[in-house]
Every structure is written in structure tokens, then in C-alpha cells.
Amino acid sequence: MQKLNINVTLFSKRVILSNTRRIKSMHIPDGYLTAYVFVPAFIITVIFWAICIKKVKLTEKQVPILGLLCALFFAAMMMNWPVVGGTTAHLLGGASMGLILGPFAGGIGITVILVLQALLFGDGGLTTLGANVLNMGIIGVLVPCVIFLALYKIVGVKGNKLYAVIFVSAFAGDLLAAVAAGTELGLSQPVFQYGLTVAIPAMAMNHSIIGVGEGIITAILIGTLLKLRPDLLAQSPILKRLPQLQNKEDLEEENRQASELKQAKE
């Protein structure tokens, strides 16, 4: 087997993770996972795809938003930012897509991005596609949605609490996706040299830093749509519960009725 080298700095100690390529992001390449790790991941992912195809419902307004978000985070995933010890990490976009479009549409969107990156740029492998989708398209999308709904009921989302809840949800989704990737790598010994004690902390440390950026960008994106296009968020399976959207929906309905009445008089 070809030897690979990955430099990872962990708690000021530099370790060499075996293989000639360095994992620059959460995209796991071919040859890094054993069959008993990537096969179950593929099975879980295929089941998730089937559920998404059956459950996803997009309105005419949401379809172009899905395309725009896919383009945005396709580019964002290709940009690896330096973090600790010379290693890099990247944004996921799962939280934004899940909260704005719902977990099923968000999962499909992330899947499309990962498939294109694997086929066109070799960023992530084909045998590990199931694992990558599991990490970024399932965990990275579902976790923010679940945490958002839980915090919505526990602490509420009035005023600035909304942005704090969005930040925490996106940060947690990014971090847990990284932990899942580290777990898969750690369980893949001897294909991947180091076990769970190295792989999980290394991935978690890097993505806890980039997760801060993920939380900020997600909050800014949703906050901007809330001010400029609340009608789009009102169709979200997750965000439609926001009291801010309920008030704006009532106002928009009143304006629509007034406009129709004015046109009828004319």
C-alpha cells in the first residue's frame, strides 16, 4: 500500500498521520477508510437519500434559493482556511441550507455539492462518498435543525436571541460533523494509522475554530433574508415558526388585500 503523510499539530505535538496526501478538509479521500466503515456509512446515506426524495417539498420560490445556496457553498467548501498548526478547515453550509430550506432539501443540496466536487475536482473519494455525505449532508444539516428547534422551545428566539440560537446551532452542526469524520478515520486502522485518540481531537479542534465562522455566516445570511426577503423564510419548514415571520406574514396579507381592493375599485 502506498504510504501517505499527513501533518497534524495536536496540543503542540506534531504527529505524522500515514499517507502521501494531507487531509486538508472534512472531505475524506479514497483509501482512508476500511470497508467496514465506509459500507455502513453508504447504507445509512442511501436510506437518507430515499427519505429526502420522498419527503422534500420545495415551492417555486425555494427552488432558485436551493441553486444559489449550492453555488455559494460549493465555492465555500473549496476554500480551505488555515487554522491550528498549519492544518486547514472549510465551511460546510449545512446549517444554512437546513434552516432555510429544511433538512431534506438541505441534505440533497449538500449531496449535489459533494458529488460534483468528488467527480470534477477529486475533493473527496467515491468509495467514501457515503461517509462524506453522512458527515456533512446528514449530521451537518440535521443537527443544526434539531438544536434550533430545541432551543426555540427552551429559550425562545425573540430579539437578539434568534441570532444566538442560530450561531449555536450552526457551530454544533459543524463540530459534530467533524467529530463524526474523526471517528470514521480513527476506526479505520490500520488503513489510517492513528486511532480515535488522535483523529477525533484533531478534527474537533480545527472545526471548532471554523465553526465560529460557520455560526457567524449562518446568522448573517438568515438575518439578511429576514430583513429583505421574509417571504422566503416563511416557507422554511424550520424557520416558519419565528414570531418575526408571523407578524410580517399578516402585514403582507393585509397589503395584498388592500392592493386587490384598490385594483377592483379602479
C-alpha atoms as a PDB file:
ATOM      1  CA  MET A   1       0.000   0.000   0.000  1.00  0.00           C
ATOM      2  CA  GLN A   2       1.265   3.470  -0.902  1.00  0.00           C
ATOM      3  CA  LYS A   3       2.479   5.412   2.094  1.00  0.00           C
ATOM      4  CA  LEU A   4       0.746   8.731   2.750  1.00  0.00           C
ATOM      5  CA  ASN A   5       1.888  11.580   5.010  1.00  0.00           C
ATOM      6  CA  ILE A   6      -0.444  13.936   6.881  1.00  0.00           C
ATOM      7  CA  ASN A   7       0.970  16.592   9.177  1.00  0.00           C
ATOM      8  CA  VAL A   8      -1.291  17.396  12.114  1.00  0.00           C
ATOM      9  CA  THR A   9      -0.354  19.515  15.113  1.00  0.00           C
ATOM     10  CA  LEU A  10      -2.230  18.323  18.189  1.00  0.00           C
ATOM     11  CA  PHE A  11      -1.785  20.139  21.503  1.00  0.00           C
ATOM     12  CA  SER A  12       1.656  21.453  20.398  1.00  0.00           C
ATOM     13  CA  LYS A  13       2.785  17.970  19.391  1.00  0.00           C
ATOM     14  CA  ARG A  14       3.337  17.302  15.685  1.00  0.00           C
ATOM     15  CA  VAL A  15       2.352  13.840  14.549  1.00  0.00           C
ATOM     16  CA  ILE A  16       2.605  12.269  11.092  1.00  0.00           C
ATOM     17  CA  LEU A  17      -0.591  10.593  10.021  1.00  0.00           C
ATOM     18  CA  SER A  18       0.119   7.915   7.482  1.00  0.00           C
ATOM     19  CA  ASN A  19      -0.494   8.535   3.744  1.00  0.00           C
ATOM     20  CA  THR A  20       1.246  10.741   0.981  1.00  0.00           C
ATOM     21  CA  ARG A  21      -1.691  13.212   0.942  1.00  0.00           C
ATOM     22  CA  ARG A  22      -2.702  15.533   3.695  1.00  0.00           C
ATOM     23  CA  ILE A  23      -6.357  15.814   4.690  1.00  0.00           C
ATOM     24  CA  LYS A  24      -6.958  19.494   4.152  1.00  0.00           C
ATOM     25  CA  SER A  25     -10.682  19.413   4.920  1.00  0.00           C
ATOM     26  CA  MET A  26     -13.535  17.224   6.085  1.00  0.00           C
ATOM     27  CA  HIS A  27     -13.664  15.550   2.631  1.00  0.00           C
ATOM     28  CA  ILE A  28     -12.294  12.054   3.200  1.00  0.00           C
ATOM     29  CA  PRO A  29     -10.419  10.723   0.117  1.00  0.00           C
ATOM     30  CA  ASP A  30     -10.472   7.168  -1.229  1.00  0.00           C
ATOM     31  CA  GLY A  31      -8.202   4.795   0.635  1.00  0.00           C
ATOM     32  CA  TYR A  32      -8.584   6.363   4.070  1.00  0.00           C
ATOM     33  CA  LEU A  33     -11.494   4.248   5.359  1.00  0.00           C
ATOM     34  CA  THR A  34     -11.834   0.495   5.732  1.00  0.00           C
ATOM     35  CA  ALA A  35     -14.782  -1.314   4.144  1.00  0.00           C
ATOM     36  CA  TYR A  36     -16.455  -1.965   7.479  1.00  0.00           C
ATOM     37  CA  VAL A  37     -16.599   1.812   7.986  1.00  0.00           C
ATOM     38  CA  PHE A  38     -17.500   3.166   4.538  1.00  0.00           C
ATOM     39  CA  VAL A  39     -20.023   0.423   3.646  1.00  0.00           C
ATOM     40  CA  PRO A  40     -22.328   1.061   6.660  1.00  0.00           C
ATOM     41  CA  ALA A  41     -21.944   4.796   6.029  1.00  0.00           C
ATOM     42  CA  PHE A  42     -23.098   4.287   2.431  1.00  0.00           C
ATOM     43  CA  ILE A  43     -26.098   2.251   3.600  1.00  0.00           C
ATOM     44  CA  ILE A  44     -27.159   4.977   6.042  1.00  0.00           C
ATOM     45  CA  THR A  45     -26.684   7.622   3.357  1.00  0.00           C
ATOM     46  CA  VAL A  46     -28.735   5.720   0.749  1.00  0.00           C
ATOM     47  CA  ILE A  47     -31.583   5.384   3.249  1.00  0.00           C
ATOM     48  CA  PHE A  48     -31.358   9.114   3.936  1.00  0.00           C
ATOM     49  CA  TRP A  49     -31.433   9.881   0.186  1.00  0.00           C
ATOM     50  CA  ALA A  50     -34.572   7.778  -0.215  1.00  0.00           C
ATOM     51  CA  ILE A  51     -36.261   9.628   2.649  1.00  0.00           C
ATOM     52  CA  CYS A  52     -35.213  13.011   1.248  1.00  0.00           C
ATOM     53  CA  ILE A  53     -36.559  12.262  -2.226  1.00  0.00           C
ATOM     54  CA  LYS A  54     -39.861  11.149  -0.728  1.00  0.00           C
ATOM     55  CA  LYS A  55     -40.227  13.958   1.811  1.00  0.00           C
ATOM     56  CA  VAL A  56     -38.714  17.020   0.122  1.00  0.00           C
ATOM     57  CA  LYS A  57     -41.158  19.728  -0.901  1.00  0.00           C
ATOM     58  CA  LEU A  58     -39.948  22.937  -2.490  1.00  0.00           C
ATOM     59  CA  THR A  59     -42.037  25.883  -3.604  1.00  0.00           C
ATOM     60  CA  GLU A  60     -41.341  27.905  -6.747  1.00  0.00           C
ATOM     61  CA  LYS A  61     -39.519  30.493  -4.625  1.00  0.00           C
ATOM     62  CA  GLN A  62     -37.358  27.906  -2.866  1.00  0.00           C
ATOM     63  CA  VAL A  63     -36.013  26.162  -5.983  1.00  0.00           C
ATOM     64  CA  PRO A  64     -33.799  29.080  -7.112  1.00  0.00           C
ATOM     65  CA  ILE A  65     -32.678  29.596  -3.485  1.00  0.00           C
ATOM     66  CA  LEU A  66     -31.535  25.963  -3.402  1.00  0.00           C
ATOM     67  CA  GLY A  67     -29.485  26.560  -6.554  1.00  0.00           C
ATOM     68  CA  LEU A  68     -27.964  29.766  -5.168  1.00  0.00           C
ATOM     69  CA  LEU A  69     -27.027  28.157  -1.857  1.00  0.00           C
ATOM     70  CA  CYS A  70     -25.494  25.157  -3.654  1.00  0.00           C
ATOM     71  CA  ALA A  71     -23.355  27.500  -5.756  1.00  0.00           C
ATOM     72  CA  LEU A  72     -22.374  29.562  -2.704  1.00  0.00           C
ATOM     73  CA  PHE A  73     -21.295  26.644  -0.544  1.00  0.00           C
ATOM     74  CA  PHE A  74     -19.754  24.724  -3.445  1.00  0.00           C
ATOM     75  CA  ALA A  75     -17.285  27.595  -3.634  1.00  0.00           C
ATOM     76  CA  ALA A  76     -17.028  27.930   0.158  1.00  0.00           C
ATOM     77  CA  MET A  77     -16.105  24.248   0.588  1.00  0.00           C
ATOM     78  CA  MET A  78     -13.326  24.601  -1.981  1.00  0.00           C
ATOM     79  CA  MET A  79     -11.707  27.344   0.112  1.00  0.00           C
ATOM     80  CA  ASN A  80      -9.644  25.867   2.939  1.00  0.00           C
ATOM     81  CA  TRP A  81      -8.779  28.302   5.719  1.00  0.00           C
ATOM     82  CA  PRO A  82      -5.620  27.928   7.831  1.00  0.00           C
ATOM     83  CA  VAL A  83      -6.348  27.141  11.466  1.00  0.00           C
ATOM     84  CA  VAL A  84      -4.184  25.464  14.111  1.00  0.00           C
ATOM     85  CA  GLY A  85      -0.657  24.196  13.455  1.00  0.00           C
ATOM     86  CA  GLY A  86      -0.671  24.613   9.680  1.00  0.00           C
ATOM     87  CA  THR A  87      -3.778  22.470   9.153  1.00  0.00           C
ATOM     88  CA  THR A  88      -6.874  23.755   7.370  1.00  0.00           C
ATOM     89  CA  ALA A  89     -10.672  23.544   7.549  1.00  0.00           C
ATOM     90  CA  HIS A  90     -13.588  24.811   5.495  1.00  0.00           C
ATOM     91  CA  LEU A  91     -17.170  25.967   5.870  1.00  0.00           C
ATOM     92  CA  LEU A  92     -19.921  23.387   5.418  1.00  0.00           C
ATOM     93  CA  GLY A  93     -23.105  25.337   4.715  1.00  0.00           C
ATOM     94  CA  GLY A  94     -25.250  22.530   6.105  1.00  0.00           C
ATOM     95  CA  ALA A  95     -26.765  24.725   8.805  1.00  0.00           C
ATOM     96  CA  SER A  96     -27.750  27.468   6.370  1.00  0.00           C
ATOM     97  CA  MET A  97     -29.284  25.052   3.882  1.00  0.00           C
ATOM     98  CA  GLY A  98     -31.060  23.046   6.559  1.00  0.00           C
ATOM     99  CA  LEU A  99     -32.530  26.023   8.399  1.00  0.00           C
ATOM    100  CA  ILE A 100     -33.551  27.942   5.269  1.00  0.00           C
ATOM    101  CA  LEU A 101     -34.834  25.058   3.125  1.00  0.00           C
ATOM    102  CA  GLY A 102     -35.424  22.276   5.630  1.00  0.00           C
ATOM    103  CA  PRO A 103     -33.311  19.182   6.385  1.00  0.00           C
ATOM    104  CA  PHE A 104     -34.434  17.149   3.361  1.00  0.00           C
ATOM    105  CA  ALA A 105     -33.763  19.817   0.735  1.00  0.00           C
ATOM    106  CA  GLY A 106     -30.592  20.789   2.604  1.00  0.00           C
ATOM    107  CA  GLY A 107     -29.369  17.189   2.565  1.00  0.00           C
ATOM    108  CA  ILE A 108     -29.985  16.930  -1.181  1.00  0.00           C
ATOM    109  CA  GLY A 109     -28.164  20.214  -1.764  1.00  0.00           C
ATOM    110  CA  ILE A 110     -25.063  19.150   0.178  1.00  0.00           C
ATOM    111  CA  THR A 111     -25.108  15.784  -1.618  1.00  0.00           C
ATOM    112  CA  VAL A 112     -25.096  17.508  -5.027  1.00  0.00           C
ATOM    113  CA  ILE A 113     -22.135  19.645  -3.936  1.00  0.00           C
ATOM    114  CA  LEU A 114     -20.127  16.666  -2.670  1.00  0.00           C
ATOM    115  CA  VAL A 115     -20.801  14.563  -5.767  1.00  0.00           C
ATOM    116  CA  LEU A 116     -19.679  17.377  -8.102  1.00  0.00           C
ATOM    117  CA  GLN A 117     -16.564  18.074  -6.035  1.00  0.00           C
ATOM    118  CA  ALA A 118     -15.612  14.386  -5.999  1.00  0.00           C
ATOM    119  CA  LEU A 119     -16.164  13.896  -9.752  1.00  0.00           C
ATOM    120  CA  LEU A 120     -14.819  17.205 -11.054  1.00  0.00           C
ATOM    121  CA  PHE A 121     -12.032  18.074  -8.610  1.00  0.00           C
ATOM    122  CA  GLY A 122     -11.224  14.845  -6.780  1.00  0.00           C
ATOM    123  CA  ASP A 123     -12.114  16.555  -3.494  1.00  0.00           C
ATOM    124  CA  GLY A 124     -13.319  13.555  -1.520  1.00  0.00           C
ATOM    125  CA  GLY A 125     -13.464   9.984  -2.814  1.00  0.00           C
ATOM    126  CA  LEU A 126     -16.154   7.879  -4.449  1.00  0.00           C
ATOM    127  CA  THR A 127     -15.859   4.953  -2.026  1.00  0.00           C
ATOM    128  CA  THR A 128     -16.018   7.459   0.838  1.00  0.00           C
ATOM    129  CA  LEU A 129     -18.874   9.491  -0.669  1.00  0.00           C
ATOM    130  CA  GLY A 130     -21.353   7.873   1.702  1.00  0.00           C
ATOM    131  CA  ALA A 131     -19.229   8.809   4.709  1.00  0.00           C
ATOM    132  CA  ASN A 132     -18.752  12.376   3.489  1.00  0.00           C
ATOM    133  CA  VAL A 133     -22.482  12.813   2.898  1.00  0.00           C
ATOM    134  CA  LEU A 134     -23.186  11.252   6.298  1.00  0.00           C
ATOM    135  CA  ASN A 135     -20.884  13.761   7.979  1.00  0.00           C
ATOM    136  CA  MET A 136     -21.701  16.941   6.066  1.00  0.00           C
ATOM    137  CA  GLY A 137     -25.082  16.279   4.449  1.00  0.00           C
ATOM    138  CA  ILE A 138     -26.824  14.414   7.261  1.00  0.00           C
ATOM    139  CA  ILE A 139     -25.155  15.299  10.567  1.00  0.00           C
ATOM    140  CA  GLY A 140     -24.126  18.765   9.356  1.00  0.00           C
ATOM    141  CA  VAL A 141     -27.708  19.505   8.266  1.00  0.00           C
ATOM    142  CA  LEU A 142     -29.909  17.640  10.754  1.00  0.00           C
ATOM    143  CA  VAL A 143     -28.048  18.602  13.935  1.00  0.00           C
ATOM    144  CA  PRO A 144     -28.464  22.392  13.437  1.00  0.00           C
ATOM    145  CA  CYS A 145     -32.176  21.895  12.682  1.00  0.00           C
ATOM    146  CA  VAL A 146     -32.743  19.749  15.780  1.00  0.00           C
ATOM    147  CA  ILE A 147     -30.768  22.077  18.064  1.00  0.00           C
ATOM    148  CA  PHE A 148     -32.544  25.134  16.656  1.00  0.00           C
ATOM    149  CA  LEU A 149     -35.988  23.628  17.313  1.00  0.00           C
ATOM    150  CA  ALA A 150     -34.941  22.546  20.822  1.00  0.00           C
ATOM    151  CA  LEU A 151     -33.566  25.978  21.744  1.00  0.00           C
ATOM    152  CA  TYR A 152     -36.608  27.608  20.136  1.00  0.00           C
ATOM    153  CA  LYS A 153     -38.795  25.858  22.713  1.00  0.00           C
ATOM    154  CA  ILE A 154     -36.396  26.226  25.661  1.00  0.00           C
ATOM    155  CA  VAL A 155     -35.100  29.810  25.439  1.00  0.00           C
ATOM    156  CA  GLY A 156     -37.196  31.368  22.674  1.00  0.00           C
ATOM    157  CA  VAL A 157     -35.988  33.385  19.700  1.00  0.00           C
ATOM    158  CA  LYS A 158     -37.237  36.894  20.365  1.00  0.00           C
ATOM    159  CA  GLY A 159     -34.897  39.769  19.551  1.00  0.00           C
ATOM    160  CA  ASN A 160     -31.191  39.001  19.519  1.00  0.00           C
ATOM    161  CA  LYS A 161     -31.815  35.535  20.963  1.00  0.00           C
ATOM    162  CA  LEU A 162     -32.601  34.419  17.431  1.00  0.00           C
ATOM    163  CA  TYR A 163     -29.044  35.085  16.243  1.00  0.00           C
ATOM    164  CA  ALA A 164     -27.536  33.418  19.309  1.00  0.00           C
ATOM    165  CA  VAL A 165     -29.655  30.313  18.695  1.00  0.00           C
ATOM    166  CA  ILE A 166     -28.680  30.255  15.010  1.00  0.00           C
ATOM    167  CA  PHE A 167     -24.996  30.625  15.920  1.00  0.00           C
ATOM    168  CA  VAL A 168     -25.071  27.785  18.473  1.00  0.00           C
ATOM    169  CA  SER A 169     -26.976  25.505  16.080  1.00  0.00           C
ATOM    170  CA  ALA A 170     -24.550  26.079  13.198  1.00  0.00           C
ATOM    171  CA  PHE A 171     -21.473  25.760  15.431  1.00  0.00           C
ATOM    172  CA  ALA A 172     -22.693  22.474  16.921  1.00  0.00           C
ATOM    173  CA  GLY A 173     -23.524  21.049  13.496  1.00  0.00           C
ATOM    174  CA  ASP A 174     -20.050  21.856  12.167  1.00  0.00           C
ATOM    175  CA  LEU A 175     -18.318  20.450  15.254  1.00  0.00           C
ATOM    176  CA  LEU A 176     -20.303  17.189  15.378  1.00  0.00           C
ATOM    177  CA  ALA A 177     -19.787  16.633  11.649  1.00  0.00           C
ATOM    178  CA  ALA A 178     -16.035  16.941  12.238  1.00  0.00           C
ATOM    179  CA  VAL A 179     -16.201  14.557  15.203  1.00  0.00           C
ATOM    180  CA  ALA A 180     -18.033  12.035  13.005  1.00  0.00           C
ATOM    181  CA  ALA A 181     -15.317  12.308  10.349  1.00  0.00           C
ATOM    182  CA  GLY A 182     -12.632  11.852  13.007  1.00  0.00           C
ATOM    183  CA  THR A 183     -14.459   8.818  14.363  1.00  0.00           C
ATOM    184  CA  GLU A 184     -14.619   7.196  10.929  1.00  0.00           C
ATOM    185  CA  LEU A 185     -10.912   7.808  10.380  1.00  0.00           C
ATOM    186  CA  GLY A 186      -9.991   6.570  13.844  1.00  0.00           C
ATOM    187  CA  LEU A 187     -11.986   3.372  13.359  1.00  0.00           C
ATOM    188  CA  SER A 188     -10.210   2.690  10.071  1.00  0.00           C
ATOM    189  CA  GLN A 189      -6.917   1.438  11.475  1.00  0.00           C
ATOM    190  CA  PRO A 190      -4.592   0.169  10.044  1.00  0.00           C
ATOM    191  CA  VAL A 191      -5.616   1.899   6.774  1.00  0.00           C
ATOM    192  CA  PHE A 192      -5.490   5.152   8.692  1.00  0.00           C
ATOM    193  CA  GLN A 193      -2.540   4.979  11.074  1.00  0.00           C
ATOM    194  CA  TYR A 194      -3.861   6.834  14.114  1.00  0.00           C
ATOM    195  CA  GLY A 195      -6.817   5.871  16.234  1.00  0.00           C
ATOM    196  CA  LEU A 196      -9.676   7.723  17.860  1.00  0.00           C
ATOM    197  CA  THR A 197      -7.495   9.449  20.457  1.00  0.00           C
ATOM    198  CA  VAL A 198      -5.700  11.430  17.733  1.00  0.00           C
ATOM    199  CA  ALA A 199      -8.205  11.650  14.879  1.00  0.00           C
ATOM    200  CA  ILE A 200     -11.183  12.966  16.857  1.00  0.00           C
ATOM    201  CA  PRO A 201      -9.345  15.741  18.790  1.00  0.00           C
ATOM    202  CA  ALA A 202      -7.515  16.858  15.631  1.00  0.00           C
ATOM    203  CA  MET A 203     -10.732  17.200  13.620  1.00  0.00           C
ATOM    204  CA  ALA A 204     -12.707  18.679  16.515  1.00  0.00           C
ATOM    205  CA  MET A 205     -10.049  21.276  17.321  1.00  0.00           C
ATOM    206  CA  ASN A 206      -9.825  22.538  13.744  1.00  0.00           C
ATOM    207  CA  HIS A 207     -13.554  22.675  13.137  1.00  0.00           C
ATOM    208  CA  SER A 208     -14.369  24.202  16.492  1.00  0.00           C
ATOM    209  CA  ILE A 209     -12.438  27.202  15.181  1.00  0.00           C
ATOM    210  CA  ILE A 210     -14.010  27.256  11.711  1.00  0.00           C
ATOM    211  CA  GLY A 211     -17.349  26.527  13.405  1.00  0.00           C
ATOM    212  CA  VAL A 212     -17.294  30.035  14.852  1.00  0.00           C
ATOM    213  CA  GLY A 213     -17.166  31.391  11.302  1.00  0.00           C
ATOM    214  CA  GLU A 214     -19.913  28.972  10.287  1.00  0.00           C
ATOM    215  CA  GLY A 215     -22.144  30.272  13.058  1.00  0.00           C
ATOM    216  CA  ILE A 216     -21.496  33.925  12.221  1.00  0.00           C
ATOM    217  CA  ILE A 217     -22.078  33.482   8.479  1.00  0.00           C
ATOM    218  CA  THR A 218     -25.256  31.471   9.048  1.00  0.00           C
ATOM    219  CA  ALA A 219     -26.628  34.135  11.389  1.00  0.00           C
ATOM    220  CA  ILE A 220     -25.763  36.921   8.923  1.00  0.00           C
ATOM    221  CA  LEU A 221     -27.305  35.070   5.992  1.00  0.00           C
ATOM    222  CA  ILE A 222     -30.561  34.310   7.762  1.00  0.00           C
ATOM    223  CA  GLY A 223     -30.697  37.780   9.317  1.00  0.00           C
ATOM    224  CA  THR A 224     -30.305  39.363   5.879  1.00  0.00           C
ATOM    225  CA  LEU A 225     -33.092  37.231   4.408  1.00  0.00           C
ATOM    226  CA  LEU A 226     -35.276  38.021   7.418  1.00  0.00           C
ATOM    227  CA  LYS A 227     -34.987  41.742   6.649  1.00  0.00           C
ATOM    228  CA  LEU A 228     -35.039  41.657   2.834  1.00  0.00           C
ATOM    229  CA  ARG A 229     -36.969  38.513   1.884  1.00  0.00           C
ATOM    230  CA  PRO A 230     -39.018  37.282   4.842  1.00  0.00           C
ATOM    231  CA  ASP A 231     -41.380  35.605   2.376  1.00  0.00           C
ATOM    232  CA  LEU A 232     -38.640  33.061   1.583  1.00  0.00           C
ATOM    233  CA  LEU A 233     -38.030  32.193   5.234  1.00  0.00           C
ATOM    234  CA  ALA A 234     -41.783  31.954   5.855  1.00  0.00           C
ATOM    235  CA  GLN A 235     -41.764  28.872   3.595  1.00  0.00           C
ATOM    236  CA  SER A 236     -38.988  27.164   5.554  1.00  0.00           C
ATOM    237  CA  PRO A 237     -40.104  24.054   7.490  1.00  0.00           C
ATOM    238  CA  ILE A 238     -37.827  25.183  10.337  1.00  0.00           C
ATOM    239  CA  LEU A 239     -37.919  28.997  10.390  1.00  0.00           C
ATOM    240  CA  LYS A 240     -41.596  29.489   9.580  1.00  0.00           C
ATOM    241  CA  ARG A 241     -42.286  29.263  13.327  1.00  0.00           C
ATOM    242  CA  LEU A 242     -40.474  32.536  14.021  1.00  0.00           C
ATOM    243  CA  PRO A 243     -42.751  35.187  15.550  1.00  0.00           C
ATOM    244  CA  GLN A 244     -40.992  37.784  13.399  1.00  0.00           C
ATOM    245  CA  LEU A 245     -42.284  35.994  10.306  1.00  0.00           C
ATOM    246  CA  GLN A 246     -45.797  35.634  11.663  1.00  0.00           C
ATOM    247  CA  ASN A 247     -46.146  39.394  12.054  1.00  0.00           C
ATOM    248  CA  LYS A 248     -44.683  40.067   8.614  1.00  0.00           C
ATOM    249  CA  GLU A 249     -46.950  37.477   7.042  1.00  0.00           C
ATOM    250  CA  ASP A 250     -50.003  39.241   8.498  1.00  0.00           C
ATOM    251  CA  LEU A 251     -48.756  42.595   7.218  1.00  0.00           C
ATOM    252  CA  GLU A 252     -48.079  41.192   3.755  1.00  0.00           C
ATOM    253  CA  GLU A 253     -51.550  39.658   3.656  1.00  0.00           C
ATOM    254  CA  GLU A 254     -53.121  42.989   4.608  1.00  0.00           C
ATOM    255  CA  ASN A 255     -51.105  44.762   1.907  1.00  0.00           C
ATOM    256  CA  ARG A 256     -52.125  42.172  -0.670  1.00  0.00           C
ATOM    257  CA  GLN A 257     -55.794  42.520   0.205  1.00  0.00           C
ATOM    258  CA  ALA A 258     -55.562  46.319   0.123  1.00  0.00           C
ATOM    259  CA  SER A 259     -53.870  46.156  -3.292  1.00  0.00           C
ATOM    260  CA  GLU A 260     -56.557  43.837  -4.661  1.00  0.00           C
ATOM    261  CA  LEU A 261     -59.282  46.101  -3.287  1.00  0.00           C
ATOM    262  CA  LYS A 262     -57.676  49.160  -4.896  1.00  0.00           C
ATOM    263  CA  GLN A 263     -57.410  47.403  -8.226  1.00  0.00           C
ATOM    264  CA  ALA A 264     -61.056  46.324  -8.031  1.00  0.00           C
ATOM    265  CA  LYS A 265     -62.194  49.932  -7.438  1.00  0.00           C
ATOM    266  CA  GLU A 266     -60.179  51.147 -10.394  1.00  0.00           C
END
